[in-house]
Amino acid sequence: MMLEVNIDRIMNNIETICEFNATPGQGYTRFSYSKEDMQAREFLINECQEFGLKVTTDGVGNIRAKLEGLDPQAPSVMSGSHIDTVYHGGKYDGLVGAIGALEAIRTIIENGIKTLNSLEFVVFSEEEGSNFGSTLAGSKAMVGYYGVDDLKKLKNPLGISMYDMAKRAGYDPDKVTHQVLKHGEVKAMLELHIEQSIVLESKNIPIGIVEAIAGMQAFEIVLKGVANHAGATPMSLRNDPMATAAKIMAHIEDLAKITPSGSTVATVGRIFCEPNISNVIPENVLFTLDARDVDNRILNQFVSDVRQKLIDESALHGVSSNMHFLGSSDAIILDKLTVELLENEAKARNIPFMRMNSGAVHDSSILSAVTKAGMIFIPSVNGRSHVPEEDSRYEDIELGCNMLLGSLLKLAM
């Protein structure tokens, strides 16, 4: 019989952490460094220490809890995810992978199994970017992409920096550059996650094995025209930034549907209009663009085409425009041998699976800069995520956690 996790303990842990919630009854809100986040961290650290794991935290609060292997000098095998949420988010995003990794290590301990490589449970800070507008900030700090100066520049809507928030939470962000994860320290990083889309559910397949994680580029587009009377100003004499924005947004949607990769997605998620009065032509319009693709070259070309459309439409409508860069992450092709290892584990357990890409960014994509990374997806009910209705089936969570357990054992033995 193959080793299996304790699914009841997993679900109980998930329920416990979901009690640490700033918006009860309105989804789940647990921003990094908030009271709720610190309560959840304390619970997880206590669980780790109860099972004898050695717990450390770095300058931004990334948690690492180690079960030492027979060869302490060998690179460790790492697994985990994040526990922070978006505003009014869902129950399982990040949390399934975090608790699943902890449970895998607990199961190994309870069965008296000694692995050659050490096993590490990891919880990343500020994955969602809900506080400071930068996704994957914790893992970026862990691999050295973000230093002290970067942490001081990342600020929440109140103007408080990630550096200051981490310090207030009891961490020492000045040490972050001395705590960077180096090549060779970690043998592999595995992350279990909900799919956050409808592909697996639509195909009735319980496990997705991720081959590539999409790259992302985010922008804020600002258009400035001339505010004027909505009735008295002829159409031919307007400098209307809203009409310009509408043309650009329509182009974004049309263009995303016809790129060569077939995997481009683009979203205008936030719009601001000034003066925002029904009988006044707007003077200022601001909107965001989130563009993603698993092919970096095609993503770059898409953004270039949008930028040219912005220039052309702005000139046509007599408005000024700017396209401000907010952030990006490169598309990542995950390690082929790790993908094959995950496939073999699914076959050994007779679990149906499919290879797939991830449109969402994940901490594993950042860790792939210093180690081999692999990802396991489980279905999201109705494809919903980042909303209170986010859900995954009990049975799928159990399958995913068992897949993770078996795969970690293979890597660490």
Protein backbone atom coordinates (compact mmCIF):
# COMPACT_ATOMS: atom_id res chain seq x y z
CA MET A 1 0.00 0.00 0.00
CA MET A 2 1.28 3.47 -0.90
CA LEU A 3 1.74 6.05 1.83
CA GLU A 4 -1.21 8.44 2.20
CA VAL A 5 -1.85 11.73 3.98
CA ASN A 6 -4.39 12.35 6.74
CA ILE A 7 -6.99 14.31 4.79
CA ASP A 8 -9.07 15.09 7.89
CA ARG A 9 -6.08 16.78 9.51
CA ILE A 10 -5.45 18.75 6.31
CA MET A 11 -9.02 20.02 6.17
CA ASN A 12 -9.00 20.86 9.88
CA ASN A 13 -5.80 22.88 9.42
CA ILE A 14 -7.31 24.72 6.46
CA GLU A 15 -10.42 25.55 8.50
CA THR A 16 -8.27 26.78 11.39
CA ILE A 17 -6.26 29.15 9.21
CA CYS A 18 -9.43 30.38 7.51
CA GLU A 19 -10.59 31.61 10.92
CA PHE A 20 -7.79 34.18 10.72
CA ASN A 21 -9.80 36.38 8.39
CA ALA A 22 -10.32 40.16 8.24
CA THR A 23 -13.61 39.90 6.31
CA PRO A 24 -15.73 37.11 7.85
CA GLY A 25 -18.82 36.36 5.79
CA GLN A 26 -17.33 38.19 2.77
CA GLY A 27 -14.70 35.79 1.56
CA TYR A 28 -11.22 35.56 3.03
CA THR A 29 -8.84 38.47 3.52
CA ARG A 30 -5.41 37.82 5.00
CA PHE A 31 -2.81 40.31 3.82
CA SER A 32 0.87 39.73 4.55
CA TYR A 33 1.98 41.18 7.93
CA SER A 34 -1.61 41.77 9.03
CA LYS A 35 -2.87 40.56 12.41
CA GLU A 36 -4.60 37.66 10.64
CA ASP A 37 -1.46 36.70 8.74
CA MET A 38 0.65 36.74 11.89
CA GLN A 39 -1.90 34.54 13.69
CA ALA A 40 -1.83 32.04 10.82
CA ARG A 41 1.98 32.04 10.84
CA GLU A 42 2.06 31.41 14.59
CA PHE A 43 -0.27 28.44 14.14
CA LEU A 44 1.89 26.93 11.39
CA ILE A 45 5.15 27.49 13.28
CA ASN A 46 3.66 25.79 16.35
CA GLU A 47 2.60 22.83 14.18
CA CYS A 48 6.12 22.57 12.76
CA GLN A 49 7.77 22.72 16.16
CA GLU A 50 5.37 20.13 17.55
CA PHE A 51 6.73 17.69 14.97
CA GLY A 52 10.35 18.60 15.67
CA LEU A 53 11.03 20.71 12.59
CA LYS A 54 13.71 23.41 12.80
CA VAL A 55 11.98 26.70 11.94
CA THR A 56 13.66 29.83 10.56
CA THR A 57 12.30 33.04 9.05
CA ASP A 58 14.14 35.44 6.78
CA GLY A 59 14.07 39.23 6.58
CA VAL A 60 10.67 39.42 4.89
CA GLY A 61 9.04 36.62 6.88
CA ASN A 62 9.41 33.67 4.53
CA ILE A 63 9.09 30.59 6.77
CA ARG A 64 11.38 27.59 6.29
CA ALA A 65 10.90 24.51 8.49
CA LYS A 66 13.39 21.67 8.04
CA LEU A 67 13.22 17.95 8.73
CA GLU A 68 16.88 16.98 8.65
CA GLY A 69 17.82 14.06 6.41
CA LEU A 70 20.44 11.35 6.82
CA ASP A 71 22.89 13.52 4.88
CA PRO A 72 22.63 17.06 6.29
CA GLN A 73 25.09 18.29 3.65
CA ALA A 74 22.89 17.16 0.76
CA PRO A 75 20.60 19.77 -0.83
CA SER A 76 17.13 19.82 0.68
CA VAL A 77 13.85 19.06 -1.08
CA MET A 78 11.44 21.96 -0.61
CA SER A 79 7.66 22.22 -0.79
CA GLY A 80 5.05 24.77 0.20
CA SER A 81 3.15 27.80 -1.05
CA HIS A 82 1.65 31.01 0.33
CA ILE A 83 -1.09 31.80 2.85
CA ASP A 84 -1.80 35.45 2.02
CA THR A 85 -4.95 36.28 0.03
CA VAL A 86 -6.45 38.90 -2.21
CA TYR A 87 -9.21 41.12 -0.79
CA HIS A 88 -12.39 39.05 -0.32
CA GLY A 89 -10.55 36.06 -1.76
CA GLY A 90 -11.07 32.32 -1.59
CA LYS A 91 -10.35 29.55 0.83
CA TYR A 92 -7.86 27.35 -1.00
CA ASP A 93 -5.55 29.57 -3.08
CA GLY A 94 -2.06 28.91 -1.72
CA LEU A 95 -3.37 27.31 1.45
CA VAL A 96 -3.87 23.85 -0.11
CA GLY A 97 -0.22 23.76 -1.16
CA ALA A 98 1.05 25.06 2.16
CA ILE A 99 -0.93 22.64 4.31
CA GLY A 100 -0.39 19.81 1.81
CA ALA A 101 3.39 20.21 2.10
CA LEU A 102 3.27 20.35 5.90
CA GLU A 103 1.08 17.25 5.98
CA ALA A 104 3.43 15.35 3.67
CA ILE A 105 6.31 15.94 6.08
CA ARG A 106 4.16 15.06 9.11
CA THR A 107 3.14 11.80 7.42
CA ILE A 108 6.77 10.92 6.72
CA ILE A 109 7.67 11.58 10.37
CA GLU A 110 4.74 9.55 11.73
CA ASN A 111 5.70 6.58 9.57
CA GLY A 112 9.29 6.63 10.80
CA ILE A 113 10.74 7.18 7.33
CA LYS A 114 14.27 8.58 7.14
CA THR A 115 15.11 10.38 3.91
CA LEU A 116 18.61 10.99 2.56
CA ASN A 117 17.89 14.62 1.74
CA SER A 118 16.41 17.02 4.24
CA LEU A 119 12.81 18.07 3.63
CA GLU A 120 11.80 21.71 3.91
CA PHE A 121 8.34 23.19 4.37
CA VAL A 122 8.16 26.76 3.07
CA VAL A 123 5.58 29.55 3.36
CA PHE A 124 6.23 32.55 1.13
CA SER A 125 5.32 36.11 2.14
CA GLU A 126 3.34 38.49 -0.07
CA GLU A 127 2.69 36.19 -3.01
CA GLU A 128 -0.53 37.91 -4.05
CA GLY A 129 0.81 41.46 -4.11
CA SER A 130 -2.31 42.64 -2.29
CA ASN A 131 -0.32 44.89 0.03
CA PHE A 132 2.35 46.41 -2.16
CA GLY A 133 1.24 45.78 -5.74
CA SER A 134 4.10 43.39 -6.53
CA THR A 135 3.31 39.70 -6.82
CA LEU A 136 5.74 37.03 -5.55
CA ALA A 137 7.64 39.56 -3.44
CA GLY A 138 8.62 37.02 -0.78
CA SER A 139 10.07 34.49 -3.19
CA LYS A 140 11.76 37.27 -5.17
CA ALA A 141 13.52 38.34 -1.97
CA MET A 142 14.44 34.72 -1.24
CA VAL A 143 16.32 34.28 -4.53
CA GLY A 144 17.87 37.76 -4.52
CA TYR A 145 15.67 39.51 -7.08
CA TYR A 146 14.60 42.01 -4.41
CA GLY A 147 17.08 43.71 -2.09
CA VAL A 148 16.66 46.23 0.72
CA ASP A 149 16.22 49.18 -1.66
CA ASP A 150 13.47 47.35 -3.53
CA LEU A 151 11.63 46.58 -0.29
CA LYS A 152 11.73 50.27 0.61
CA LYS A 153 10.23 51.22 -2.76
CA LEU A 154 7.31 48.77 -2.52
CA LYS A 155 4.52 50.64 -0.71
CA ASN A 156 0.93 49.94 0.26
CA PRO A 157 -1.91 52.45 -0.39
CA LEU A 158 -1.09 54.18 2.93
CA GLY A 159 2.49 54.77 1.80
CA ILE A 160 4.01 52.21 4.18
CA SER A 161 6.81 50.20 2.60
CA MET A 162 7.27 46.45 2.63
CA TYR A 163 10.55 47.12 4.43
CA ASP A 164 8.76 48.94 7.26
CA MET A 165 5.87 46.46 7.42
CA ALA A 166 8.30 43.54 7.72
CA LYS A 167 10.18 45.37 10.46
CA ARG A 168 6.98 46.12 12.38
CA ALA A 169 6.09 42.42 12.16
CA GLY A 170 9.34 41.54 13.93
CA TYR A 171 11.50 40.59 10.94
CA ASP A 172 14.85 42.09 9.94
CA PRO A 173 14.66 43.14 6.27
CA ASP A 174 18.20 44.54 6.40
CA LYS A 175 19.44 40.93 6.45
CA VAL A 176 17.56 39.84 3.34
CA THR A 177 20.53 40.18 0.99
CA HIS A 178 22.59 37.90 3.26
CA GLN A 179 19.88 35.21 3.27
CA VAL A 180 19.60 34.64 -0.47
CA LEU A 181 18.98 31.05 -1.55
CA LYS A 182 21.92 29.89 -3.65
CA HIS A 183 22.22 27.36 -6.46
CA GLY A 184 22.79 23.91 -5.01
CA GLU A 185 21.10 24.52 -1.64
CA VAL A 186 17.78 23.05 -2.78
CA LYS A 187 17.50 19.92 -4.92
CA ALA A 188 13.93 20.64 -6.05
CA MET A 189 10.88 22.72 -5.20
CA LEU A 190 7.41 21.17 -5.54
CA GLU A 191 4.23 23.20 -5.20
CA LEU A 192 0.67 21.93 -5.01
CA HIS A 193 -1.94 24.52 -6.03
CA ILE A 194 -5.52 24.89 -7.14
CA GLU A 195 -5.75 25.36 -10.90
CA GLN A 196 -7.70 28.66 -10.74
CA SER A 197 -9.27 27.86 -14.09
CA ILE A 198 -11.81 25.43 -15.53
CA VAL A 199 -9.67 23.19 -17.74
CA LEU A 200 -9.30 20.23 -15.36
CA GLU A 201 -12.93 20.28 -14.29
CA SER A 202 -14.17 20.57 -17.88
CA LYS A 203 -12.14 17.48 -18.83
CA ASN A 204 -13.00 15.61 -15.61
CA ILE A 205 -9.31 15.12 -14.84
CA PRO A 206 -8.27 15.42 -11.17
CA ILE A 207 -4.57 16.22 -11.59
CA GLY A 208 -2.71 18.70 -13.78
CA ILE A 209 1.06 18.54 -14.13
CA VAL A 210 2.40 21.96 -15.06
CA GLU A 211 4.89 22.24 -17.92
CA ALA A 212 5.13 26.03 -18.16
CA ILE A 213 4.14 29.08 -16.12
CA ALA A 214 3.09 32.16 -18.05
CA GLY A 215 5.09 35.34 -18.02
CA MET A 216 3.28 38.52 -17.02
CA GLN A 217 3.65 42.21 -17.79
CA ALA A 218 1.56 44.85 -16.04
CA PHE A 219 1.05 48.48 -17.05
CA GLU A 220 -0.90 51.56 -16.09
CA ILE A 221 -2.08 53.48 -19.15
CA VAL A 222 -2.87 57.18 -18.68
CA LEU A 223 -4.72 59.33 -21.24
CA LYS A 224 -5.21 63.10 -20.95
CA GLY A 225 -7.70 64.99 -23.09
CA VAL A 226 -9.85 68.11 -22.72
CA ALA A 227 -12.93 68.15 -20.49
CA ASN A 228 -15.89 69.88 -22.11
CA HIS A 229 -19.68 70.05 -22.38
CA ALA A 230 -21.16 66.72 -23.50
CA GLY A 231 -23.93 68.38 -25.50
CA ALA A 232 -22.33 71.50 -26.94
CA THR A 233 -19.05 70.02 -28.18
CA PRO A 234 -19.23 68.58 -31.73
CA MET A 235 -17.88 65.06 -32.19
CA SER A 236 -15.29 66.30 -34.69
CA LEU A 237 -13.86 68.83 -32.21
CA ARG A 238 -13.40 66.60 -29.18
CA ASN A 239 -10.23 65.47 -27.47
CA ASP A 240 -11.86 62.54 -25.69
CA PRO A 241 -9.59 60.21 -23.70
CA MET A 242 -12.47 57.81 -22.96
CA ALA A 243 -13.17 57.22 -26.64
CA THR A 244 -9.44 56.66 -27.10
CA ALA A 245 -9.35 54.22 -24.20
CA ALA A 246 -12.33 52.30 -25.59
CA LYS A 247 -10.56 51.81 -28.93
CA ILE A 248 -7.40 50.60 -27.21
CA MET A 249 -9.29 48.21 -24.91
CA ALA A 250 -11.15 46.69 -27.85
CA HIS A 251 -7.84 46.27 -29.67
CA ILE A 252 -6.32 44.56 -26.62
CA GLU A 253 -9.10 41.96 -26.58
CA ASP A 254 -9.03 41.38 -30.34
CA LEU A 255 -5.25 41.12 -30.49
CA ALA A 256 -5.03 38.66 -27.56
CA LYS A 257 -7.33 36.27 -29.43
CA ILE A 258 -5.12 35.98 -32.51
CA THR A 259 -1.52 35.74 -31.24
CA PRO A 260 0.50 32.80 -32.66
CA SER A 261 0.82 31.02 -29.31
CA GLY A 262 -2.92 30.78 -28.73
CA SER A 263 -2.17 31.23 -25.02
CA THR A 264 -2.11 35.02 -24.68
CA VAL A 265 -4.51 36.50 -22.15
CA ALA A 266 -4.97 40.20 -21.50
CA THR A 267 -7.11 41.97 -18.94
CA VAL A 268 -8.12 45.56 -18.27
CA GLY A 269 -8.98 45.20 -14.60
CA ARG A 270 -9.17 48.75 -13.28
CA ILE A 271 -10.49 51.96 -14.84
CA PHE A 272 -10.47 55.51 -13.47
CA CYS A 273 -12.21 58.43 -15.16
CA GLU A 274 -12.13 62.13 -14.25
CA PRO A 275 -14.33 64.07 -13.64
CA ASN A 276 -16.60 61.00 -13.99
CA ILE A 277 -19.75 63.03 -14.64
CA SER A 278 -22.39 61.88 -17.13
CA ASN A 279 -22.67 65.18 -19.02
CA VAL A 280 -18.97 66.06 -19.17
CA ILE A 281 -16.42 64.75 -21.66
CA PRO A 282 -13.65 63.22 -19.51
CA GLU A 283 -10.33 64.94 -19.09
CA ASN A 284 -8.33 62.04 -17.67
CA VAL A 285 -8.67 58.28 -18.06
CA LEU A 286 -6.47 55.67 -16.42
CA PHE A 287 -6.68 51.92 -16.89
CA THR A 288 -4.50 48.91 -16.18
CA LEU A 289 -3.29 46.18 -18.51
CA ASP A 290 -2.32 42.70 -17.31
CA ALA A 291 -0.90 40.66 -20.20
CA ARG A 292 0.34 37.06 -19.97
CA ASP A 293 1.72 34.30 -22.20
CA VAL A 294 3.89 31.20 -21.85
CA ASP A 295 6.06 32.51 -24.71
CA ASN A 296 8.12 35.56 -23.69
CA ARG A 297 8.75 36.58 -27.29
CA ILE A 298 5.06 36.64 -28.16
CA LEU A 299 4.23 38.48 -24.94
CA ASN A 300 6.81 41.16 -25.75
CA GLN A 301 5.40 41.54 -29.26
CA PHE A 302 1.86 41.79 -27.90
CA VAL A 303 2.86 44.60 -25.53
CA SER A 304 4.72 46.36 -28.35
CA ASP A 305 1.61 46.19 -30.56
CA VAL A 306 -0.56 47.62 -27.77
CA ARG A 307 1.94 50.44 -27.26
CA GLN A 308 1.82 51.30 -30.97
CA LYS A 309 -2.00 51.27 -30.92
CA LEU A 310 -1.89 53.66 -27.97
CA ILE A 311 0.35 56.04 -29.93
CA ASP A 312 -1.84 55.86 -33.05
CA GLU A 313 -5.20 56.31 -31.30
CA SER A 314 -3.86 59.12 -29.09
CA ALA A 315 -2.73 61.05 -32.16
CA LEU A 316 -6.05 60.40 -33.92
CA HIS A 317 -8.08 61.69 -30.96
CA GLY A 318 -5.77 64.55 -30.00
CA VAL A 319 -4.95 63.30 -26.51
CA SER A 320 -1.66 62.73 -24.72
CA SER A 321 -0.80 59.30 -23.34
CA ASN A 322 1.70 57.36 -21.29
CA MET A 323 2.15 53.63 -20.64
CA HIS A 324 3.73 53.18 -17.22
CA PHE A 325 5.41 49.86 -16.43
CA LEU A 326 4.23 48.31 -13.14
CA GLY A 327 5.96 44.93 -13.04
CA SER A 328 6.74 41.70 -14.84
CA SER A 329 7.85 38.10 -14.53
CA ASP A 330 9.26 35.93 -17.30
CA ALA A 331 7.55 32.82 -18.60
CA ILE A 332 9.16 29.69 -17.21
CA ILE A 333 9.48 26.20 -18.69
CA LEU A 334 9.55 23.80 -15.74
CA ASP A 335 12.19 21.09 -15.41
CA LYS A 336 11.38 18.16 -17.72
CA LEU A 337 12.73 15.46 -15.39
CA THR A 338 10.60 16.81 -12.54
CA VAL A 339 7.54 16.81 -14.80
CA GLU A 340 8.27 13.17 -15.66
CA LEU A 341 8.72 12.30 -11.97
CA LEU A 342 5.28 13.76 -11.22
CA GLU A 343 3.78 11.84 -14.13
CA ASN A 344 5.27 8.59 -12.86
CA GLU A 345 3.82 9.22 -9.41
CA ALA A 346 0.36 9.78 -10.92
CA LYS A 347 0.69 6.55 -12.92
CA ALA A 348 1.83 4.61 -9.85
CA ARG A 349 -1.25 5.80 -7.97
CA ASN A 350 -3.57 5.25 -10.98
CA ILE A 351 -4.59 8.90 -10.95
CA PRO A 352 -5.74 10.39 -14.29
CA PHE A 353 -3.66 13.45 -15.20
CA MET A 354 -2.83 15.84 -18.00
CA ARG A 355 0.06 18.14 -18.82
CA MET A 356 -0.89 21.81 -18.86
CA ASN A 357 0.31 25.40 -18.58
CA SER A 358 -0.37 27.85 -15.77
CA GLY A 359 -1.74 31.25 -16.67
CA ALA A 360 -1.31 32.41 -13.08
CA VAL A 361 2.14 33.22 -11.69
CA HIS A 362 3.47 31.20 -8.75
CA ASP A 363 6.38 31.23 -6.32
CA SER A 364 7.71 28.08 -8.00
CA SER A 365 8.45 30.09 -11.13
CA ILE A 366 10.74 32.35 -9.09
CA LEU A 367 12.41 29.42 -7.30
CA SER A 368 13.16 27.86 -10.71
CA ALA A 369 15.96 30.42 -11.00
CA VAL A 370 17.95 28.50 -8.37
CA THR A 371 16.54 24.95 -8.43
CA LYS A 372 14.38 22.49 -10.33
CA ALA A 373 10.69 23.27 -9.86
CA GLY A 374 7.52 21.27 -10.36
CA MET A 375 3.83 22.03 -9.88
CA ILE A 376 0.73 19.91 -9.30
CA PHE A 377 -2.72 21.37 -9.99
CA ILE A 378 -6.07 20.19 -8.66
CA PRO A 379 -9.40 21.33 -10.16
CA SER A 380 -11.16 24.51 -9.13
CA VAL A 381 -14.94 24.11 -8.95
CA ASN A 382 -16.50 26.10 -11.84
CA GLY A 383 -13.02 27.49 -12.48
CA ARG A 384 -13.54 30.19 -9.83
CA SER A 385 -10.67 31.71 -7.86
CA HIS A 386 -9.80 34.97 -6.08
CA VAL A 387 -13.48 35.16 -5.10
CA PRO A 388 -15.43 33.96 -2.03
CA GLU A 389 -16.96 31.19 -4.19
CA GLU A 390 -13.55 29.58 -4.74
CA ASP A 391 -13.81 25.85 -4.03
CA SER A 392 -12.09 22.50 -4.61
CA ARG A 393 -13.45 19.03 -3.93
CA TYR A 394 -12.33 17.16 -0.83
CA GLU A 395 -11.41 14.14 -2.99
CA ASP A 396 -9.25 16.21 -5.32
CA ILE A 397 -7.41 17.84 -2.42
CA GLU A 398 -6.64 14.38 -1.06
CA LEU A 399 -5.38 13.12 -4.44
CA GLY A 400 -3.18 16.18 -4.88
CA CYS A 401 -1.70 15.89 -1.40
CA ASN A 402 -0.97 12.18 -1.90
CA MET A 403 0.69 12.99 -5.23
CA LEU A 404 2.83 15.58 -3.46
CA LEU A 405 3.74 13.17 -0.66
CA GLY A 406 4.87 10.41 -3.01
CA SER A 407 6.81 12.79 -5.24
CA LEU A 408 8.66 14.37 -2.30
CA LEU A 409 9.65 10.92 -1.07
CA LYS A 410 11.04 9.96 -4.48
CA LEU A 411 13.10 13.14 -4.63
CA ALA A 412 14.43 12.86 -1.08
CA MET A 413 15.25 9.13 -0.94
